Structure formats: structure tokens, C-alpha cells
Amino acid sequence: MCKTQEVNIARILYDAYRDSDLLPLDRDRDCRDLQVLLDKVRSSKIGDTLFQFLVFEIIEGGQGTLDGAVRVIERARDDVDAVLQALIRAKV
């Protein structure tokens, strides 16, 4: 029987984040798991508050699970879209 490998949400977040290579993070060392990434984000000035927000939301709001991460990121996307639409309407 094959072991199923747990999904590394920290690595998915880092790899998917635009310009993550500009963050002061080591992909292999700092993204081993969510707790390691959270510790690094809390202890360092990474200079990207959106990335920090995503880490905090996935861990705190999403309880560090894949389903929770999807849920909180979808909610954040909807919130940002609502603000964007209001700004666009204000331009008209």
C-alpha cells in the first residue's frame, strides 16, 4: 500500500505567489510546512503585507487545512473583488 503524501500548503502558496522569488524566504527551508513559514513571517520583515495576510488567513481562518485555505482565499478574493467593483463604479 502506498503512503499518501500530505499537501504542503506553504510550498503551494510560495510557488504560486507572484514574484515570490523577491521575498526574503528560502523556498526549501522556510516553506517546509505552514508552521515554519508562519514563524519566518512573524520573525522577519518580509516586506510584503499581502503575502503575510495570506499566511495568517490560511493558518488562522483556514485552520491550516487545504479545504480551509481554499475557503478563506475564495472569501478574500470575493472581498477584494467587491472593493474593486466599487472603485470602478466610482470612476464612472
N, C-alpha and C. Protein backbone atom coordinates (compact mmCIF):
# COMPACT_ATOMS: atom_id res chain seq x y z
N MET A 1 0.84 -1.18 0.00
CA MET A 1 0.00 0.00 0.00
C MET A 1 0.89 1.24 0.00
N CYS A 2 0.57 2.21 -0.82
CA CYS A 2 1.34 3.45 -0.92
C CYS A 2 0.90 4.43 0.15
N LYS A 3 1.88 5.13 0.69
CA LYS A 3 1.56 6.21 1.61
C LYS A 3 1.11 7.41 0.80
N THR A 4 0.07 8.08 1.27
CA THR A 4 -0.33 9.32 0.61
C THR A 4 0.49 10.45 1.22
N GLN A 5 0.99 11.30 0.39
CA GLN A 5 1.80 12.41 0.85
C GLN A 5 0.91 13.60 1.15
N GLU A 6 1.14 14.20 2.31
CA GLU A 6 0.36 15.37 2.70
C GLU A 6 0.73 16.56 1.82
N VAL A 7 -0.25 17.35 1.48
CA VAL A 7 -0.05 18.52 0.64
C VAL A 7 0.69 19.59 1.46
N ASN A 8 1.72 20.16 0.87
CA ASN A 8 2.49 21.22 1.53
C ASN A 8 1.90 22.57 1.10
N ILE A 9 0.99 23.09 1.91
CA ILE A 9 0.29 24.33 1.60
C ILE A 9 1.28 25.50 1.57
N ALA A 10 2.26 25.49 2.43
CA ALA A 10 3.26 26.57 2.46
C ALA A 10 3.99 26.65 1.12
N ARG A 11 4.37 25.51 0.60
CA ARG A 11 5.09 25.48 -0.69
C ARG A 11 4.17 25.90 -1.83
N ILE A 12 2.91 25.46 -1.79
CA ILE A 12 1.95 25.85 -2.83
C ILE A 12 1.79 27.37 -2.83
N LEU A 13 1.61 27.95 -1.64
CA LEU A 13 1.45 29.39 -1.53
C LEU A 13 2.68 30.12 -2.07
N TYR A 14 3.85 29.70 -1.63
CA TYR A 14 5.09 30.35 -2.08
C TYR A 14 5.26 30.23 -3.60
N ASP A 15 5.09 29.03 -4.12
CA ASP A 15 5.30 28.81 -5.56
C ASP A 15 4.29 29.56 -6.42
N ALA A 16 3.06 29.71 -5.92
CA ALA A 16 2.01 30.36 -6.71
C ALA A 16 2.06 31.88 -6.59
N TYR A 17 2.67 32.38 -5.54
CA TYR A 17 2.67 33.82 -5.29
C TYR A 17 3.56 34.54 -6.30
N ARG A 18 3.00 35.53 -6.97
CA ARG A 18 3.74 36.29 -7.97
C ARG A 18 4.96 36.96 -7.34
N ASP A 19 6.08 36.83 -7.97
CA ASP A 19 7.35 37.42 -7.51
C ASP A 19 7.79 36.90 -6.14
N SER A 20 7.43 35.67 -5.83
CA SER A 20 7.85 35.10 -4.54
C SER A 20 9.37 35.03 -4.43
N ASP A 21 10.04 34.98 -5.57
CA ASP A 21 11.50 34.94 -5.54
C ASP A 21 12.09 36.23 -4.99
N LEU A 22 11.31 37.29 -4.90
CA LEU A 22 11.78 38.54 -4.33
C LEU A 22 11.60 38.59 -2.80
N LEU A 23 10.86 37.64 -2.26
CA LEU A 23 10.67 37.58 -0.81
C LEU A 23 11.93 37.06 -0.15
N PRO A 24 12.24 37.55 1.05
CA PRO A 24 13.43 37.08 1.75
C PRO A 24 13.18 35.73 2.43
N LEU A 25 12.77 34.77 1.63
CA LEU A 25 12.46 33.43 2.11
C LEU A 25 13.26 32.42 1.32
N ASP A 26 13.67 31.37 2.00
CA ASP A 26 14.31 30.25 1.32
C ASP A 26 13.22 29.22 1.04
N ARG A 27 12.99 28.95 -0.22
CA ARG A 27 11.89 28.06 -0.64
C ARG A 27 11.93 26.72 0.07
N ASP A 28 13.10 26.14 0.17
CA ASP A 28 13.21 24.80 0.77
C ASP A 28 13.20 24.84 2.29
N ARG A 29 13.90 25.79 2.87
CA ARG A 29 14.00 25.84 4.33
C ARG A 29 12.75 26.46 4.97
N ASP A 30 12.30 27.60 4.45
CA ASP A 30 11.22 28.36 5.09
C ASP A 30 9.82 27.89 4.71
N CYS A 31 9.71 27.07 3.68
CA CYS A 31 8.39 26.61 3.23
C CYS A 31 8.23 25.10 3.41
N ARG A 32 8.91 24.55 4.40
CA ARG A 32 8.79 23.10 4.68
C ARG A 32 7.38 22.74 5.10
N ASP A 33 6.77 23.65 5.87
CA ASP A 33 5.38 23.47 6.28
C ASP A 33 4.84 24.81 6.75
N LEU A 34 3.57 24.85 7.04
CA LEU A 34 2.94 26.12 7.40
C LEU A 34 3.48 26.72 8.68
N GLN A 35 3.77 25.89 9.66
CA GLN A 35 4.27 26.42 10.93
C GLN A 35 5.63 27.07 10.76
N VAL A 36 6.50 26.46 9.98
CA VAL A 36 7.82 27.04 9.71
C VAL A 36 7.64 28.37 8.97
N LEU A 37 6.76 28.40 7.98
CA LEU A 37 6.52 29.63 7.23
C LEU A 37 5.94 30.71 8.14
N LEU A 38 4.99 30.35 8.98
CA LEU A 38 4.41 31.32 9.91
C LEU A 38 5.48 31.88 10.83
N ASP A 39 6.33 31.04 11.37
CA ASP A 39 7.40 31.50 12.25
C ASP A 39 8.31 32.48 11.52
N LYS A 40 8.65 32.19 10.28
CA LYS A 40 9.52 33.06 9.49
C LYS A 40 8.83 34.40 9.20
N VAL A 41 7.56 34.35 8.83
CA VAL A 41 6.82 35.58 8.52
C VAL A 41 6.68 36.45 9.77
N ARG A 42 6.47 35.83 10.92
CA ARG A 42 6.34 36.59 12.17
C ARG A 42 7.66 37.18 12.63
N SER A 43 8.75 36.48 12.40
CA SER A 43 10.04 36.91 12.94
C SER A 43 10.86 37.77 11.99
N SER A 44 10.44 37.89 10.74
CA SER A 44 11.20 38.63 9.74
C SER A 44 10.37 39.76 9.16
N LYS A 45 11.07 40.73 8.66
CA LYS A 45 10.41 41.80 7.92
C LYS A 45 10.47 41.39 6.46
N ILE A 46 9.42 40.70 6.00
CA ILE A 46 9.47 40.21 4.62
C ILE A 46 9.05 41.27 3.62
N GLY A 47 8.45 42.37 4.10
CA GLY A 47 8.17 43.49 3.23
C GLY A 47 6.99 43.31 2.28
N ASP A 48 6.18 42.31 2.49
CA ASP A 48 5.04 42.08 1.62
C ASP A 48 3.84 41.72 2.49
N THR A 49 3.02 42.73 2.77
CA THR A 49 1.90 42.52 3.68
C THR A 49 0.81 41.62 3.10
N LEU A 50 0.69 41.58 1.78
CA LEU A 50 -0.30 40.69 1.18
C LEU A 50 0.11 39.24 1.42
N PHE A 51 1.37 38.92 1.23
CA PHE A 51 1.84 37.56 1.49
C PHE A 51 1.64 37.21 2.96
N GLN A 52 1.98 38.14 3.85
CA GLN A 52 1.76 37.91 5.28
C GLN A 52 0.29 37.63 5.56
N PHE A 53 -0.58 38.44 4.97
CA PHE A 53 -2.02 38.28 5.15
C PHE A 53 -2.46 36.87 4.72
N LEU A 54 -1.98 36.43 3.57
CA LEU A 54 -2.36 35.10 3.07
C LEU A 54 -1.91 34.01 4.04
N VAL A 55 -0.70 34.12 4.54
CA VAL A 55 -0.20 33.13 5.50
C VAL A 55 -1.07 33.11 6.75
N PHE A 56 -1.33 34.30 7.31
CA PHE A 56 -2.14 34.38 8.53
C PHE A 56 -3.55 33.85 8.30
N GLU A 57 -4.17 34.22 7.20
CA GLU A 57 -5.54 33.78 6.91
C GLU A 57 -5.62 32.26 6.74
N ILE A 58 -4.66 31.70 6.03
CA ILE A 58 -4.68 30.25 5.80
C ILE A 58 -4.51 29.51 7.12
N ILE A 59 -3.65 30.01 7.99
CA ILE A 59 -3.41 29.32 9.26
C ILE A 59 -4.51 29.59 10.26
N GLU A 60 -4.87 30.85 10.43
CA GLU A 60 -5.86 31.18 11.46
C GLU A 60 -7.29 30.94 11.00
N GLY A 61 -7.66 31.47 9.85
CA GLY A 61 -9.03 31.32 9.36
C GLY A 61 -9.29 29.97 8.73
N GLY A 62 -8.26 29.42 8.10
CA GLY A 62 -8.41 28.15 7.41
C GLY A 62 -7.93 26.95 8.20
N GLN A 63 -7.54 27.19 9.45
CA GLN A 63 -7.06 26.14 10.35
C GLN A 63 -5.92 25.31 9.74
N GLY A 64 -5.20 25.89 8.78
CA GLY A 64 -4.04 25.21 8.20
C GLY A 64 -4.37 24.01 7.34
N THR A 65 -5.64 23.88 6.93
CA THR A 65 -6.02 22.75 6.09
C THR A 65 -6.19 23.22 4.65
N LEU A 66 -6.11 22.27 3.73
CA LEU A 66 -6.29 22.62 2.33
C LEU A 66 -7.70 23.15 2.06
N ASP A 67 -8.70 22.48 2.59
CA ASP A 67 -10.08 22.96 2.41
C ASP A 67 -10.28 24.34 3.03
N GLY A 68 -9.71 24.53 4.22
CA GLY A 68 -9.81 25.82 4.88
C GLY A 68 -9.09 26.91 4.11
N ALA A 69 -7.92 26.57 3.56
CA ALA A 69 -7.16 27.54 2.76
C ALA A 69 -7.97 27.97 1.55
N VAL A 70 -8.56 27.02 0.88
CA VAL A 70 -9.38 27.35 -0.30
C VAL A 70 -10.54 28.25 0.12
N ARG A 71 -11.19 27.92 1.22
CA ARG A 71 -12.34 28.70 1.69
C ARG A 71 -11.95 30.15 2.00
N VAL A 72 -10.87 30.35 2.77
CA VAL A 72 -10.53 31.72 3.16
C VAL A 72 -9.97 32.53 1.99
N ILE A 73 -9.27 31.90 1.07
CA ILE A 73 -8.75 32.62 -0.09
C ILE A 73 -9.90 32.98 -1.04
N GLU A 74 -10.87 32.10 -1.20
CA GLU A 74 -12.04 32.45 -2.01
C GLU A 74 -12.79 33.63 -1.40
N ARG A 75 -12.93 33.62 -0.09
CA ARG A 75 -13.61 34.73 0.59
C ARG A 75 -12.82 36.03 0.42
N ALA A 76 -11.50 35.96 0.57
CA ALA A 76 -10.66 37.15 0.38
C ALA A 76 -10.77 37.66 -1.05
N ARG A 77 -10.76 36.73 -2.02
CA ARG A 77 -10.90 37.12 -3.43
C ARG A 77 -12.22 37.85 -3.64
N ASP A 78 -13.30 37.33 -3.07
CA ASP A 78 -14.61 37.96 -3.21
C ASP A 78 -14.63 39.35 -2.57
N ASP A 79 -13.99 39.48 -1.40
CA ASP A 79 -13.92 40.78 -0.73
C ASP A 79 -13.14 41.80 -1.56
N VAL A 80 -12.01 41.38 -2.09
CA VAL A 80 -11.20 42.27 -2.92
C VAL A 80 -11.96 42.64 -4.19
N ASP A 81 -12.65 41.68 -4.77
CA ASP A 81 -13.43 41.97 -5.98
C ASP A 81 -14.54 42.98 -5.69
N ALA A 82 -15.18 42.86 -4.54
CA ALA A 82 -16.24 43.81 -4.18
C ALA A 82 -15.68 45.22 -4.07
N VAL A 83 -14.51 45.37 -3.48
CA VAL A 83 -13.88 46.68 -3.37
C VAL A 83 -13.48 47.18 -4.75
N LEU A 84 -12.92 46.32 -5.58
CA LEU A 84 -12.54 46.70 -6.94
C LEU A 84 -13.75 47.19 -7.72
N GLN A 85 -14.84 46.48 -7.65
CA GLN A 85 -16.05 46.87 -8.37
C GLN A 85 -16.57 48.22 -7.88
N ALA A 86 -16.50 48.46 -6.58
CA ALA A 86 -16.94 49.76 -6.05
C ALA A 86 -16.04 50.88 -6.57
N LEU A 87 -14.75 50.64 -6.64
CA LEU A 87 -13.82 51.65 -7.16
C LEU A 87 -14.09 51.92 -8.63
N ILE A 88 -14.35 50.87 -9.38
CA ILE A 88 -14.65 51.03 -10.81
C ILE A 88 -15.94 51.82 -10.99
N ARG A 89 -16.96 51.52 -10.19
CA ARG A 89 -18.22 52.27 -10.28
C ARG A 89 -18.02 53.73 -9.92
N ALA A 90 -17.12 54.02 -9.00
CA ALA A 90 -16.86 55.39 -8.58
C ALA A 90 -16.20 56.20 -9.68
N LYS A 91 -15.51 55.53 -10.59
CA LYS A 91 -14.84 56.23 -11.70
C LYS A 91 -15.84 56.73 -12.75
N VAL A 92 -17.00 56.09 -12.83
CA VAL A 92 -17.98 56.41 -13.88
C VAL A 92 -18.71 57.69 -13.60
